[in-house]
Amino acid sequence: QVQLVESGGGSVQAGGSLRLSCAASGFTFSSAAMGWFRQAPGKEREGVAAIYTGGGTTYLADSVKGRFTISRDNAKATVYIQMNNLKPEDTAMYYCAASWGVSGVYWSRAGEWKYWGQGTQVTVSS
């Protein structure tokens, strides 16, 4: 049974930092692409970052480049997203996702991802 469990969300002021973690189980973590998505109320789920199996290929949404970093620890079956210089517009529910065979061209499309966590809330106040 595949499980993705996010943690690390919370409330911070603008300019602050958070690190989200996603612990995976029930599949061969090292073989899966991992992604982070977010969804604000009334908005579509959007891709934030993705990291592929070797960890050498990563993607970031333009809105977070220079502020967010995605990484993975295959030994711990965990993917992380370090979020620095947070802005109020980063406020959303953040979801971890796992999949296989996701083209790098389509990494930000939620429909390309097979498994999802339950989400963790990030709130950034101005």
Protein backbone atom coordinates (compact mmCIF):
# COMPACT_ATOMS: atom_id res chain seq x y z
CA GLN A 1 0.00 0.00 0.00
CA VAL A 2 1.52 3.27 -1.14
CA GLN A 3 1.68 5.99 1.46
CA LEU A 4 2.99 9.52 1.21
CA VAL A 5 2.99 11.48 4.44
CA GLU A 6 3.85 15.17 4.40
CA SER A 7 5.04 17.13 7.40
CA GLY A 8 6.66 20.44 8.22
CA GLY A 9 3.93 22.86 7.29
CA GLY A 10 3.00 25.79 9.47
CA SER A 11 2.57 29.52 9.72
CA VAL A 12 5.43 31.91 9.09
CA GLN A 13 5.90 35.56 8.34
CA ALA A 14 6.96 36.76 4.92
CA GLY A 15 10.67 36.26 4.43
CA GLY A 16 10.71 33.19 6.64
CA SER A 17 11.60 29.61 5.80
CA LEU A 18 10.08 26.17 6.09
CA ARG A 19 11.21 22.72 5.11
CA LEU A 20 8.58 20.22 4.13
CA SER A 21 9.21 16.50 4.24
CA CYS A 22 7.38 13.65 2.56
CA ALA A 23 7.98 10.16 3.87
CA ALA A 24 7.15 7.45 1.35
CA SER A 25 6.40 3.77 1.78
CA GLY A 26 4.87 0.89 -0.11
CA PHE A 27 6.92 1.22 -3.27
CA THR A 28 10.52 1.35 -4.46
CA PHE A 29 11.20 4.98 -3.66
CA SER A 30 14.46 5.21 -5.59
CA SER A 31 12.68 4.32 -8.84
CA ALA A 32 10.01 6.99 -8.59
CA ALA A 33 9.94 10.60 -9.61
CA MET A 34 8.77 12.76 -6.71
CA GLY A 35 6.97 16.06 -6.87
CA TRP A 36 5.59 18.85 -4.75
CA PHE A 37 2.38 20.59 -5.70
CA ARG A 38 0.31 23.24 -4.01
CA GLN A 39 -3.26 24.34 -4.11
CA ALA A 40 -4.70 27.57 -2.77
CA PRO A 41 -8.43 27.98 -2.15
CA GLY A 42 -10.28 28.50 -5.40
CA LYS A 43 -7.23 27.73 -7.51
CA GLU A 44 -6.03 24.73 -9.44
CA ARG A 45 -3.32 22.50 -8.11
CA GLU A 46 0.01 23.64 -9.48
CA GLY A 47 3.39 22.03 -9.74
CA VAL A 48 6.02 23.54 -7.49
CA ALA A 49 8.99 21.22 -7.91
CA ALA A 50 9.95 17.75 -9.06
CA ILE A 51 12.99 15.55 -8.69
CA TYR A 52 13.74 12.51 -10.74
CA THR A 53 15.19 9.18 -9.73
CA GLY A 54 18.87 9.95 -9.55
CA GLY A 55 18.27 13.30 -7.93
CA GLY A 56 20.30 14.99 -10.62
CA THR A 57 17.31 16.23 -12.58
CA THR A 58 15.09 18.73 -10.87
CA TYR A 59 12.40 21.13 -11.98
CA LEU A 60 11.09 24.23 -10.27
CA ALA A 61 8.17 26.47 -11.09
CA ASP A 62 9.27 29.91 -12.22
CA SER A 63 7.49 31.45 -9.24
CA VAL A 64 9.76 29.67 -6.77
CA LYS A 65 13.10 29.58 -8.56
CA GLY A 66 15.83 31.03 -6.41
CA ARG A 67 13.77 30.48 -3.27
CA PHE A 68 12.83 26.79 -3.13
CA THR A 69 15.02 23.72 -3.40
CA ILE A 70 13.89 20.11 -3.80
CA SER A 71 15.99 17.17 -2.68
CA ARG A 72 15.58 13.49 -1.91
CA ASP A 73 17.16 10.93 0.37
CA ASN A 74 16.64 7.51 -1.17
CA ALA A 75 17.99 5.75 1.93
CA LYS A 76 15.26 7.39 4.00
CA ALA A 77 12.62 7.24 1.27
CA THR A 78 11.97 10.91 1.85
CA VAL A 79 11.69 13.94 -0.38
CA TYR A 80 12.14 17.46 0.90
CA ILE A 81 11.40 20.94 -0.23
CA GLN A 82 13.28 23.79 1.38
CA MET A 83 11.34 27.00 1.08
CA ASN A 84 13.14 30.27 1.76
CA ASN A 85 12.06 33.89 1.48
CA LEU A 86 8.44 32.84 1.67
CA LYS A 87 5.81 35.20 0.34
CA PRO A 88 2.11 35.50 1.13
CA GLU A 89 1.34 34.14 -2.33
CA ASP A 90 3.03 30.88 -1.32
CA THR A 91 0.16 30.23 1.07
CA ALA A 92 -1.47 26.94 0.07
CA MET A 93 -1.90 23.31 0.89
CA TYR A 94 1.24 21.52 -0.22
CA TYR A 95 1.04 17.99 -1.55
CA CYS A 96 3.67 15.37 -2.23
CA ALA A 97 3.29 13.16 -5.28
CA ALA A 98 4.97 10.09 -6.74
CA SER A 99 4.91 8.60 -10.17
CA TRP A 100 6.85 6.81 -12.86
CA GLY A 101 7.44 7.73 -16.45
CA VAL A 102 6.55 11.38 -16.05
CA SER A 103 8.03 13.35 -18.92
CA GLY A 104 10.06 16.32 -17.84
CA VAL A 105 7.96 18.38 -20.23
CA TYR A 106 4.81 17.61 -18.26
CA TRP A 107 6.14 17.43 -14.72
CA SER A 108 3.94 20.28 -13.52
CA ARG A 109 0.69 18.66 -14.64
CA ALA A 110 -1.07 17.12 -11.67
CA GLY A 111 -2.74 14.54 -13.89
CA GLU A 112 0.65 12.99 -14.70
CA TRP A 113 1.20 11.92 -11.10
CA LYS A 114 -0.16 8.67 -9.72
CA TYR A 115 0.02 8.84 -5.93
CA TRP A 116 -0.65 11.71 -3.58
CA GLY A 117 -0.22 12.55 0.07
CA GLN A 118 -2.85 14.19 2.22
CA GLY A 119 -1.17 17.59 2.20
CA THR A 120 0.30 19.98 4.72
CA GLN A 121 -0.78 23.59 5.10
CA VAL A 122 1.63 26.47 4.62
CA THR A 123 0.47 29.94 5.61
CA VAL A 124 2.61 33.00 5.03
CA SER A 125 1.55 36.28 6.58
CA SER A 126 2.68 39.70 5.47
